[in-house]
Structure formats: C-alpha cells, structure tokens
Amino acid sequence: MELENLKKAIKILKDSEDFAQLVPEVRTNLVMARKNAKKIEDVAGFPGRITTAHNKVIVCMDPEFGASSHMARMVLNILKYDSQKRSAINLRYDPLVIKICKKLGLLVSSYDRNQEPEDISIIEGGTIPWGVKESIKKLGQVPDVIYHKGAWGKEPIICLLAPDAVEAARTADCIARLYKTINI
C-alpha cells in the first residue's frame, strides 16, 4: 500500500510544472511509513532522493523500504505524537513558503538548530528527535509543517507532514503553484 501511494505521489510531483523550484540543495525525499512503524526499514522512500533537471522532477528508482534515513527519522519521531501523520516531504526553505503554508491553514512550527544542546548535536541523528519535540512544545500540538533556518554547514529546510504521500505531494504542489504566482 505505501509503495503504491508513493508511486502515485511521485507522479503528481513529476507532472507538476512548479514543484521543482521547491527542491532544496540537499535534494528532496518523500517518505511514507507503515502503520505502527518503529524503525527506518518500516518507512519507504526514494533511493537517491528526488532531484531536478530542466525544471522537472527526476527520480532514479522506484520507492522502497529503508531508502531514506533522514526523512524516515522525521516520520518515526512524528508518529510518537500523531499516528495519523505517516508521510513527510522536505522543501527548500523560503519565508514566503512559510507564509503560504500559514495562509493555507497548515499548522506551522520551527526549531532553532543553534539552540540545540551540544550533547544532542554530537549524536548522529540526534537533531531530528530534539527538533520534533521542540516544535511540538513551541506550538502546543503536532504541526503540519516543521522548519529550521539552518546552522553552520546545515541547509535550512521545511518539512511538510501528511497522512499519506499523495496528500503530501498534492499539498506540496499547491504550495509550489502559489509560490510561483507570488514570486513572479
């Protein structure tokens, strides 16, 4: 079910005339977790990530379980607070994208990587659990969007959360269309 959902979702992004502008330098991944996921192997994503060429979305391979560690850790940590948000996609950070998310009625929160305790920052993969917890604490509930403005050597990123990959892709495409319109 998750792999089929991801295949439908990537078609939405490939067909989008606007989504490519929101792909960050670190590239994008779109993931979806199994129900009751506990480990990275329970989360499917795209090997090699999602990239762009000539303003079009490109994927190298079909989705598979265990293909993404970073975005998988994001979803696994969100699932600890909300079992309905099984999918995530990362987008390029731009304050305008944050404004669009808020205008769409999405719940938005953030964390400051510069405030991350040193004992957490030295642990590989420690930032995401801390960032998720900080974002939820700041908003008082689980957000639909979590972002950070980067830190030394770390690209700023927006992470859009959704119940499934198709909804994440549709929302990301909607944000991209509005972003293009406002940015013209």
N, C-alpha and C. Protein backbone atom coordinates (compact mmCIF):
# COMPACT_ATOMS: atom_id res chain seq x y z
N MET A 1 0.81 -1.19 0.00
CA MET A 1 0.00 0.00 0.00
C MET A 1 0.87 1.27 0.00
N GLU A 2 1.90 1.31 0.86
CA GLU A 2 2.74 2.51 0.95
C GLU A 2 3.52 2.75 -0.34
N LEU A 3 4.04 1.67 -0.94
CA LEU A 3 4.80 1.83 -2.18
C LEU A 3 3.91 2.35 -3.31
N GLU A 4 2.69 1.85 -3.40
CA GLU A 4 1.75 2.32 -4.43
C GLU A 4 1.38 3.78 -4.18
N ASN A 5 1.19 4.14 -2.93
CA ASN A 5 0.87 5.52 -2.59
C ASN A 5 2.02 6.44 -3.00
N LEU A 6 3.25 6.02 -2.74
CA LEU A 6 4.41 6.81 -3.13
C LEU A 6 4.53 6.93 -4.65
N LYS A 7 4.21 5.89 -5.38
CA LYS A 7 4.27 5.95 -6.85
C LYS A 7 3.24 6.94 -7.39
N LYS A 8 2.05 6.96 -6.81
CA LYS A 8 1.03 7.94 -7.21
C LYS A 8 1.50 9.35 -6.87
N ALA A 9 2.10 9.49 -5.70
CA ALA A 9 2.57 10.80 -5.25
C ALA A 9 3.69 11.35 -6.14
N ILE A 10 4.62 10.49 -6.53
CA ILE A 10 5.74 10.99 -7.35
C ILE A 10 5.24 11.39 -8.73
N LYS A 11 4.18 10.75 -9.21
CA LYS A 11 3.58 11.15 -10.49
C LYS A 11 3.03 12.58 -10.38
N ILE A 12 2.42 12.90 -9.25
CA ILE A 12 1.91 14.26 -9.03
C ILE A 12 3.06 15.26 -9.11
N LEU A 13 4.18 14.94 -8.47
CA LEU A 13 5.32 15.85 -8.47
C LEU A 13 5.99 15.93 -9.84
N LYS A 14 6.06 14.80 -10.53
CA LYS A 14 6.66 14.80 -11.88
C LYS A 14 5.79 15.60 -12.86
N ASP A 15 4.48 15.51 -12.70
CA ASP A 15 3.57 16.23 -13.59
C ASP A 15 3.46 17.72 -13.25
N SER A 16 3.93 18.10 -12.08
CA SER A 16 3.85 19.49 -11.65
C SER A 16 4.78 20.37 -12.48
N GLU A 17 4.27 21.49 -12.88
CA GLU A 17 5.10 22.46 -13.61
C GLU A 17 5.90 23.34 -12.65
N ASP A 18 5.56 23.27 -11.36
CA ASP A 18 6.12 24.22 -10.41
C ASP A 18 6.92 23.62 -9.25
N PHE A 19 6.74 22.33 -8.97
CA PHE A 19 7.35 21.77 -7.76
C PHE A 19 8.88 21.85 -7.76
N ALA A 20 9.51 21.71 -8.89
CA ALA A 20 10.98 21.67 -8.95
C ALA A 20 11.63 22.87 -8.26
N GLN A 21 10.96 24.01 -8.26
CA GLN A 21 11.53 25.21 -7.63
C GLN A 21 11.62 25.10 -6.10
N LEU A 22 10.94 24.11 -5.53
CA LEU A 22 10.98 23.95 -4.07
C LEU A 22 11.93 22.83 -3.62
N VAL A 23 12.66 22.24 -4.54
CA VAL A 23 13.61 21.19 -4.18
C VAL A 23 14.87 21.85 -3.60
N PRO A 24 15.26 21.49 -2.38
CA PRO A 24 16.44 22.11 -1.77
C PRO A 24 17.74 21.59 -2.36
N GLU A 25 18.84 22.24 -2.00
CA GLU A 25 20.16 21.81 -2.47
C GLU A 25 20.47 20.38 -2.07
N VAL A 26 20.01 19.97 -0.89
CA VAL A 26 20.26 18.60 -0.42
C VAL A 26 19.33 17.59 -1.10
N ARG A 27 18.51 18.07 -2.01
CA ARG A 27 17.52 17.26 -2.72
C ARG A 27 16.34 16.96 -1.81
N THR A 28 15.32 16.38 -2.37
CA THR A 28 14.08 16.09 -1.65
C THR A 28 13.93 14.59 -1.47
N ASN A 29 13.26 14.21 -0.41
CA ASN A 29 12.75 12.85 -0.34
C ASN A 29 11.33 12.92 0.16
N LEU A 30 10.55 11.99 -0.28
CA LEU A 30 9.15 11.84 0.09
C LEU A 30 9.04 10.45 0.67
N VAL A 31 8.56 10.36 1.89
CA VAL A 31 8.51 9.07 2.56
C VAL A 31 7.11 8.78 3.08
N MET A 32 6.86 7.49 3.29
CA MET A 32 5.62 7.07 3.93
C MET A 32 5.90 5.84 4.77
N ALA A 33 5.42 5.89 6.01
CA ALA A 33 5.64 4.79 6.96
C ALA A 33 4.48 3.81 6.96
N ARG A 34 4.82 2.56 7.26
CA ARG A 34 3.78 1.57 7.52
C ARG A 34 3.05 1.98 8.79
N LYS A 35 1.83 1.48 8.96
CA LYS A 35 1.15 1.67 10.24
C LYS A 35 1.99 1.01 11.32
N ASN A 36 2.07 1.66 12.47
CA ASN A 36 2.84 1.16 13.61
C ASN A 36 4.34 1.01 13.31
N ALA A 37 4.86 1.85 12.43
CA ALA A 37 6.29 1.81 12.09
C ALA A 37 7.14 2.10 13.32
N LYS A 38 8.24 1.38 13.44
CA LYS A 38 9.15 1.54 14.58
C LYS A 38 10.60 1.80 14.16
N LYS A 39 10.96 1.38 12.94
CA LYS A 39 12.35 1.52 12.52
C LYS A 39 12.42 2.02 11.07
N ILE A 40 13.60 2.47 10.67
CA ILE A 40 13.80 3.04 9.34
C ILE A 40 13.32 2.10 8.24
N GLU A 41 13.48 0.80 8.44
CA GLU A 41 13.07 -0.18 7.43
C GLU A 41 11.55 -0.26 7.28
N ASP A 42 10.81 0.38 8.18
CA ASP A 42 9.34 0.44 8.10
C ASP A 42 8.86 1.66 7.32
N VAL A 43 9.80 2.45 6.82
CA VAL A 43 9.47 3.69 6.11
C VAL A 43 10.02 3.60 4.68
N ALA A 44 9.15 3.81 3.71
CA ALA A 44 9.55 3.76 2.30
C ALA A 44 9.85 5.16 1.79
N GLY A 45 10.83 5.23 0.90
CA GLY A 45 11.22 6.49 0.27
C GLY A 45 11.90 6.18 -1.05
N PHE A 46 12.51 7.18 -1.64
CA PHE A 46 13.13 7.04 -2.96
C PHE A 46 14.65 6.96 -2.84
N PRO A 47 15.24 5.82 -3.23
CA PRO A 47 16.70 5.71 -3.21
C PRO A 47 17.33 6.81 -4.07
N GLY A 48 18.33 7.46 -3.54
CA GLY A 48 19.00 8.53 -4.28
C GLY A 48 18.27 9.85 -4.23
N ARG A 49 17.16 9.90 -3.55
CA ARG A 49 16.35 11.10 -3.38
C ARG A 49 15.69 11.54 -4.68
N ILE A 50 14.96 12.64 -4.59
CA ILE A 50 14.26 13.23 -5.72
C ILE A 50 15.06 14.46 -6.13
N THR A 51 15.38 14.57 -7.39
CA THR A 51 16.18 15.70 -7.85
C THR A 51 15.46 16.40 -9.01
N THR A 52 16.15 17.32 -9.65
CA THR A 52 15.55 18.05 -10.77
C THR A 52 16.56 18.24 -11.89
N ALA A 53 16.02 18.39 -13.07
CA ALA A 53 16.80 18.80 -14.25
C ALA A 53 15.85 19.49 -15.20
N HIS A 54 16.27 20.59 -15.75
CA HIS A 54 15.43 21.37 -16.68
C HIS A 54 14.07 21.66 -16.06
N ASN A 55 14.09 22.00 -14.78
CA ASN A 55 12.88 22.36 -14.03
C ASN A 55 11.84 21.24 -13.97
N LYS A 56 12.30 20.01 -14.03
CA LYS A 56 11.44 18.83 -13.92
C LYS A 56 11.94 17.94 -12.80
N VAL A 57 11.02 17.24 -12.18
CA VAL A 57 11.35 16.30 -11.10
C VAL A 57 11.85 14.99 -11.70
N ILE A 58 12.92 14.47 -11.11
CA ILE A 58 13.51 13.21 -11.57
C ILE A 58 13.75 12.29 -10.37
N VAL A 59 13.40 11.03 -10.54
CA VAL A 59 13.75 10.00 -9.56
C VAL A 59 14.51 8.91 -10.28
N CYS A 60 15.48 8.34 -9.60
CA CYS A 60 16.32 7.30 -10.20
C CYS A 60 15.67 5.92 -10.13
N MET A 61 14.92 5.68 -9.06
CA MET A 61 14.39 4.34 -8.82
C MET A 61 13.00 4.45 -8.21
N ASP A 62 12.29 3.33 -8.24
CA ASP A 62 11.00 3.24 -7.56
C ASP A 62 11.23 3.29 -6.06
N PRO A 63 10.19 3.65 -5.31
CA PRO A 63 10.35 3.69 -3.86
C PRO A 63 10.58 2.30 -3.27
N GLU A 64 11.27 2.30 -2.13
CA GLU A 64 11.48 1.04 -1.41
C GLU A 64 11.63 1.34 0.08
N PHE A 65 11.39 0.33 0.88
CA PHE A 65 11.51 0.49 2.32
C PHE A 65 12.98 0.60 2.71
N GLY A 66 13.25 1.50 3.66
CA GLY A 66 14.61 1.69 4.16
C GLY A 66 15.46 2.58 3.28
N ALA A 67 14.88 3.25 2.30
CA ALA A 67 15.65 4.05 1.34
C ALA A 67 16.05 5.43 1.86
N SER A 68 15.41 5.89 2.91
CA SER A 68 15.73 7.22 3.44
C SER A 68 15.92 7.13 4.93
N SER A 69 17.04 7.61 5.42
CA SER A 69 17.23 7.60 6.87
C SER A 69 16.76 8.93 7.48
N HIS A 70 17.10 10.04 6.86
CA HIS A 70 16.79 11.35 7.42
C HIS A 70 15.29 11.58 7.53
N MET A 71 14.59 11.49 6.42
CA MET A 71 13.14 11.72 6.42
C MET A 71 12.41 10.60 7.15
N ALA A 72 12.96 9.41 7.12
CA ALA A 72 12.35 8.31 7.88
C ALA A 72 12.39 8.62 9.38
N ARG A 73 13.52 9.15 9.85
CA ARG A 73 13.62 9.51 11.27
C ARG A 73 12.63 10.61 11.63
N MET A 74 12.39 11.53 10.69
CA MET A 74 11.41 12.59 10.93
C MET A 74 10.02 11.98 11.14
N VAL A 75 9.60 11.11 10.23
CA VAL A 75 8.27 10.49 10.34
C VAL A 75 8.18 9.62 11.58
N LEU A 76 9.20 8.83 11.85
CA LEU A 76 9.17 7.96 13.03
C LEU A 76 9.02 8.77 14.31
N ASN A 77 9.65 9.92 14.36
CA ASN A 77 9.52 10.76 15.56
C ASN A 77 8.16 11.45 15.63
N ILE A 78 7.62 11.86 14.51
CA ILE A 78 6.27 12.44 14.48
C ILE A 78 5.24 11.40 14.91
N LEU A 79 5.42 10.15 14.47
CA LEU A 79 4.48 9.08 14.81
C LEU A 79 4.37 8.84 16.32
N LYS A 80 5.39 9.19 17.05
CA LYS A 80 5.33 9.06 18.51
C LYS A 80 4.27 9.98 19.12
N TYR A 81 3.94 11.06 18.39
CA TYR A 81 2.99 12.05 18.86
C TYR A 81 1.65 12.01 18.10
N ASP A 82 1.68 11.57 16.84
CA ASP A 82 0.48 11.55 16.00
C ASP A 82 0.58 10.38 15.02
N SER A 83 -0.16 9.33 15.27
CA SER A 83 -0.09 8.12 14.44
C SER A 83 -0.71 8.31 13.05
N GLN A 84 -1.37 9.44 12.82
CA GLN A 84 -2.00 9.69 11.52
C GLN A 84 -1.04 10.32 10.51
N LYS A 85 0.02 10.94 10.97
CA LYS A 85 0.96 11.63 10.06
C LYS A 85 2.08 10.66 9.70
N ARG A 86 1.83 9.88 8.65
CA ARG A 86 2.75 8.81 8.26
C ARG A 86 3.64 9.20 7.08
N SER A 87 3.52 10.42 6.58
CA SER A 87 4.29 10.82 5.41
C SER A 87 4.95 12.17 5.64
N ALA A 88 6.07 12.39 4.94
CA ALA A 88 6.77 13.67 5.02
C ALA A 88 7.53 13.93 3.72
N ILE A 89 7.66 15.21 3.40
CA ILE A 89 8.47 15.65 2.25
C ILE A 89 9.22 16.90 2.68
N ASN A 90 10.50 17.00 2.31
CA ASN A 90 11.27 18.18 2.64
C ASN A 90 11.31 19.14 1.45
N LEU A 91 11.21 20.43 1.77
CA LEU A 91 11.17 21.50 0.78
C LEU A 91 12.25 22.53 1.07
N ARG A 92 12.59 23.29 0.05
CA ARG A 92 13.55 24.39 0.19
C ARG A 92 12.98 25.45 1.13
N TYR A 93 13.80 25.94 2.03
CA TYR A 93 13.33 26.99 2.95
C TYR A 93 13.26 28.34 2.24
N ASP A 94 12.15 28.99 2.44
CA ASP A 94 11.95 30.37 2.00
C ASP A 94 10.86 30.92 2.91
N PRO A 95 11.04 32.10 3.50
CA PRO A 95 9.99 32.66 4.35
C PRO A 95 8.64 32.77 3.64
N LEU A 96 8.66 32.98 2.33
CA LEU A 96 7.42 33.06 1.57
C LEU A 96 6.67 31.72 1.59
N VAL A 97 7.40 30.62 1.55
CA VAL A 97 6.77 29.29 1.62
C VAL A 97 6.08 29.13 2.97
N ILE A 98 6.73 29.60 4.02
CA ILE A 98 6.13 29.54 5.36
C ILE A 98 4.84 30.35 5.39
N LYS A 99 4.86 31.55 4.82
CA LYS A 99 3.64 32.38 4.76
C LYS A 99 2.53 31.68 4.00
N ILE A 100 2.86 31.04 2.90
CA ILE A 100 1.87 30.31 2.11
C ILE A 100 1.27 29.17 2.93
N CYS A 101 2.11 28.43 3.62
CA CYS A 101 1.62 27.33 4.47
C CYS A 101 0.62 27.84 5.50
N LYS A 102 0.95 28.95 6.13
CA LYS A 102 0.04 29.52 7.13
C LYS A 102 -1.26 29.98 6.49
N LYS A 103 -1.18 30.62 5.32
CA LYS A 103 -2.39 31.07 4.61
C LYS A 103 -3.28 29.89 4.23
N LEU A 104 -2.67 28.74 3.95
CA LEU A 104 -3.42 27.53 3.62
C LEU A 104 -4.05 26.88 4.85
N GLY A 105 -3.74 27.42 6.03
CA GLY A 105 -4.30 26.89 7.26
C GLY A 105 -3.51 25.75 7.86
N LEU A 106 -2.29 25.54 7.36
CA LEU A 106 -1.44 24.49 7.93
C LEU A 106 -0.86 24.97 9.25
N LEU A 107 -0.74 24.06 10.19
CA LEU A 107 -0.12 24.38 11.48
C LEU A 107 1.39 24.37 11.30
N VAL A 108 2.04 25.46 11.59
CA VAL A 108 3.47 25.63 11.34
C VAL A 108 4.22 25.85 12.64
N SER A 109 5.34 25.17 12.78
CA SER A 109 6.22 25.39 13.92
C SER A 109 7.67 25.25 13.46
N SER A 110 8.58 25.61 14.34
CA SER A 110 10.00 25.58 13.96
C SER A 110 10.86 25.28 15.19
N TYR A 111 12.12 25.05 14.91
CA TYR A 111 13.12 24.94 15.96
C TYR A 111 14.38 25.61 15.47
N ASP A 112 15.22 26.02 16.41
CA ASP A 112 16.45 26.73 16.10
C ASP A 112 17.62 25.79 16.33
N ARG A 113 18.27 25.38 15.24
CA ARG A 113 19.39 24.45 15.36
C ARG A 113 20.54 25.03 16.18
N ASN A 114 20.62 26.36 16.23
CA ASN A 114 21.67 26.99 17.03
C ASN A 114 21.42 26.86 18.53
N GLN A 115 20.20 26.49 18.92
CA GLN A 115 19.85 26.30 20.33
C GLN A 115 19.96 24.83 20.76
N GLU A 116 20.33 23.97 19.81
CA GLU A 116 20.43 22.54 20.10
C GLU A 116 21.53 22.28 21.13
N PRO A 117 21.20 21.56 22.19
CA PRO A 117 22.23 21.24 23.19
C PRO A 117 23.37 20.43 22.58
N GLU A 118 24.58 20.71 23.04
CA GLU A 118 25.76 20.06 22.48
C GLU A 118 25.71 18.54 22.62
N ASP A 119 25.19 18.05 23.74
CA ASP A 119 25.14 16.61 23.94
C ASP A 119 24.21 15.92 22.94
N ILE A 120 23.27 16.66 22.37
CA ILE A 120 22.39 16.12 21.33
C ILE A 120 23.03 16.27 19.95
N SER A 121 23.65 17.41 19.70
CA SER A 121 24.24 17.69 18.39
C SER A 121 25.38 16.74 18.02
N ILE A 122 26.05 16.19 19.02
CA ILE A 122 27.18 15.29 18.73
C ILE A 122 26.72 13.86 18.41
N ILE A 123 25.44 13.57 18.65
CA ILE A 123 24.90 12.24 18.37
C ILE A 123 24.37 12.22 16.94
N GLU A 124 24.84 11.29 16.13
CA GLU A 124 24.35 11.15 14.76
C GLU A 124 22.85 10.87 14.81
N GLY A 125 22.07 11.72 14.13
CA GLY A 125 20.62 11.55 14.10
C GLY A 125 19.91 12.13 15.31
N GLY A 126 20.63 12.81 16.18
CA GLY A 126 20.03 13.35 17.40
C GLY A 126 19.20 14.61 17.20
N THR A 127 19.49 15.35 16.14
CA THR A 127 18.81 16.62 15.91
C THR A 127 17.31 16.44 15.65
N ILE A 128 16.94 15.45 14.86
CA ILE A 128 15.54 15.31 14.48
C ILE A 128 14.63 15.05 15.68
N PRO A 129 14.92 14.07 16.54
CA PRO A 129 14.04 13.88 17.69
C PRO A 129 13.93 15.15 18.55
N TRP A 130 15.06 15.82 18.75
CA TRP A 130 15.07 17.05 19.53
C TRP A 130 14.24 18.13 18.82
N GLY A 131 14.44 18.30 17.50
CA GLY A 131 13.72 19.32 16.74
C GLY A 131 12.22 19.08 16.71
N VAL A 132 11.82 17.84 16.57
CA VAL A 132 10.39 17.50 16.58
C VAL A 132 9.79 17.85 17.94
N LYS A 133 10.47 17.44 19.00
CA LYS A 133 9.98 17.71 20.35
C LYS A 133 9.88 19.22 20.60
N GLU A 134 10.91 19.97 20.20
CA GLU A 134 10.90 21.43 20.37
C GLU A 134 9.77 22.09 19.58
N SER A 135 9.54 21.63 18.35
CA SER A 135 8.49 22.19 17.50
C SER A 135 7.10 21.95 18.08
N ILE A 136 6.90 20.76 18.61
CA ILE A 136 5.60 20.42 19.22
C ILE A 136 5.40 21.22 20.50
N LYS A 137 6.45 21.32 21.30
CA LYS A 137 6.38 22.09 22.55
C LYS A 137 6.06 23.56 22.25
N LYS A 138 6.70 24.10 21.24
CA LYS A 138 6.52 25.51 20.87
C LYS A 138 5.08 25.79 20.42
N LEU A 139 4.49 24.86 19.64
CA LEU A 139 3.14 25.06 19.10
C LEU A 139 2.06 24.57 20.06
N GLY A 140 2.40 23.62 20.89
CA GLY A 140 1.42 23.04 21.80
C GLY A 140 0.62 21.91 21.17
N GLN A 141 0.99 21.52 19.97
CA GLN A 141 0.37 20.40 19.26
C GLN A 141 1.28 19.98 18.10
N VAL A 142 0.93 18.87 17.46
CA VAL A 142 1.75 18.39 16.35
C VAL A 142 1.48 19.27 15.12
N PRO A 143 2.52 19.87 14.55
CA PRO A 143 2.33 20.73 13.38
C PRO A 143 2.18 19.93 12.08
N ASP A 144 1.75 20.63 11.04
CA ASP A 144 1.72 20.08 9.68
C ASP A 144 3.02 20.40 8.97
N VAL A 145 3.69 21.42 9.45
CA VAL A 145 4.94 21.90 8.85
C VAL A 145 5.93 22.20 9.97
N ILE A 146 7.15 21.66 9.83
CA ILE A 146 8.24 21.97 10.76
C ILE A 146 9.40 22.51 9.91
N TYR A 147 9.96 23.62 10.34
CA TYR A 147 11.11 24.16 9.61
C TYR A 147 12.21 24.60 10.57
N HIS A 148 13.41 24.71 10.01
CA HIS A 148 14.52 25.33 10.72
C HIS A 148 15.29 26.18 9.71
N LYS A 149 15.95 27.21 10.20
CA LYS A 149 16.66 28.15 9.34
C LYS A 149 18.13 27.79 9.15
N GLY A 150 18.48 26.55 9.47
CA GLY A 150 19.84 26.08 9.24
C GLY A 150 20.78 26.41 10.39
N ALA A 151 22.00 26.04 10.19
CA ALA A 151 23.09 26.30 11.14
C ALA A 151 24.38 26.12 10.35
N TRP A 152 25.51 26.27 11.01
CA TRP A 152 26.78 26.12 10.33
C TRP A 152 26.83 24.80 9.58
N GLY A 153 26.94 24.86 8.25
CA GLY A 153 27.03 23.67 7.42
C GLY A 153 25.72 22.91 7.24
N LYS A 154 24.62 23.46 7.68
CA LYS A 154 23.32 22.79 7.59
C LYS A 154 22.35 23.69 6.82
N GLU A 155 21.79 23.15 5.74
CA GLU A 155 20.85 23.91 4.92
C GLU A 155 19.52 24.08 5.65
N PRO A 156 18.93 25.27 5.58
CA PRO A 156 17.58 25.46 6.13
C PRO A 156 16.59 24.58 5.36
N ILE A 157 15.61 24.03 6.07
CA ILE A 157 14.69 23.09 5.45
C ILE A 157 13.28 23.27 6.01
N ILE A 158 12.31 23.01 5.16
CA ILE A 158 10.91 22.93 5.55
C ILE A 158 10.49 21.48 5.37
N CYS A 159 9.80 20.94 6.36
CA CYS A 159 9.30 19.57 6.27
C CYS A 159 7.78 19.61 6.39
N LEU A 160 7.12 19.13 5.34
CA LEU A 160 5.67 19.06 5.29
C LEU A 160 5.24 17.65 5.69
N LEU A 161 4.33 17.56 6.65
CA LEU A 161 3.85 16.27 7.16
C LEU A 161 2.42 16.05 6.70
N ALA A 162 2.06 14.78 6.46
CA ALA A 162 0.71 14.46 5.97
C ALA A 162 0.37 13.02 6.32
N PRO A 163 -0.91 12.67 6.22
CA PRO A 163 -1.32 11.28 6.49
C PRO A 163 -0.75 10.28 5.49
N ASP A 164 -0.59 10.69 4.24
CA ASP A 164 -0.02 9.80 3.23
C ASP A 164 0.75 10.61 2.20
N ALA A 165 1.48 9.90 1.35
CA ALA A 165 2.37 10.56 0.38
C ALA A 165 1.59 11.33 -0.69
N VAL A 166 0.43 10.82 -1.08
CA VAL A 166 -0.36 11.53 -2.10
C VAL A 166 -0.80 12.89 -1.56
N GLU A 167 -1.27 12.92 -0.33
CA GLU A 167 -1.67 14.20 0.25
C GLU A 167 -0.47 15.14 0.40
N ALA A 168 0.68 14.59 0.80
CA ALA A 168 1.89 15.42 0.91
C ALA A 168 2.25 16.01 -0.45
N ALA A 169 2.19 15.20 -1.49
CA ALA A 169 2.54 15.67 -2.84
C ALA A 169 1.54 16.71 -3.34
N ARG A 170 0.26 16.47 -3.12
CA ARG A 170 -0.75 17.45 -3.55
C ARG A 170 -0.57 18.78 -2.84
N THR A 171 -0.31 18.72 -1.54
CA THR A 171 -0.11 19.96 -0.78
C THR A 171 1.17 20.66 -1.24
N ALA A 172 2.23 19.90 -1.44
CA ALA A 172 3.50 20.49 -1.90
C ALA A 172 3.32 21.14 -3.28
N ASP A 173 2.57 20.49 -4.17
CA ASP A 173 2.32 21.05 -5.49
C ASP A 173 1.49 22.34 -5.38
N CYS A 174 0.50 22.35 -4.51
CA CYS A 174 -0.31 23.55 -4.30
C CYS A 174 0.56 24.70 -3.78
N ILE A 175 1.42 24.41 -2.82
CA ILE A 175 2.34 25.42 -2.30
C ILE A 175 3.23 25.95 -3.42
N ALA A 176 3.74 25.05 -4.25
CA ALA A 176 4.63 25.45 -5.35
C ALA A 176 3.91 26.34 -6.36
N ARG A 177 2.65 26.02 -6.68
CA ARG A 177 1.88 26.85 -7.62
C ARG A 177 1.67 28.25 -7.05
N LEU A 178 1.31 28.32 -5.77
CA LEU A 178 1.12 29.64 -5.13
C LEU A 178 2.44 30.39 -5.05
N TYR A 179 3.50 29.70 -4.74
CA TYR A 179 4.83 30.30 -4.64
C TYR A 179 5.23 30.92 -5.97
N LYS A 180 5.01 30.20 -7.04
CA LYS A 180 5.36 30.72 -8.38
C LYS A 180 4.54 31.97 -8.69
N THR A 181 3.25 31.94 -8.38
CA THR A 181 2.37 33.08 -8.66
C THR A 181 2.81 34.32 -7.90
N ILE A 182 3.13 34.13 -6.64
CA ILE A 182 3.52 35.27 -5.79
C ILE A 182 4.92 35.75 -6.15
N ASN A 183 5.78 34.84 -6.57
CA ASN A 183 7.18 35.15 -6.85
C ASN A 183 7.40 35.78 -8.23
N ILE A 184 6.38 35.82 -9.05
CA ILE A 184 6.56 36.35 -10.42
C ILE A 184 6.72 37.87 -10.38
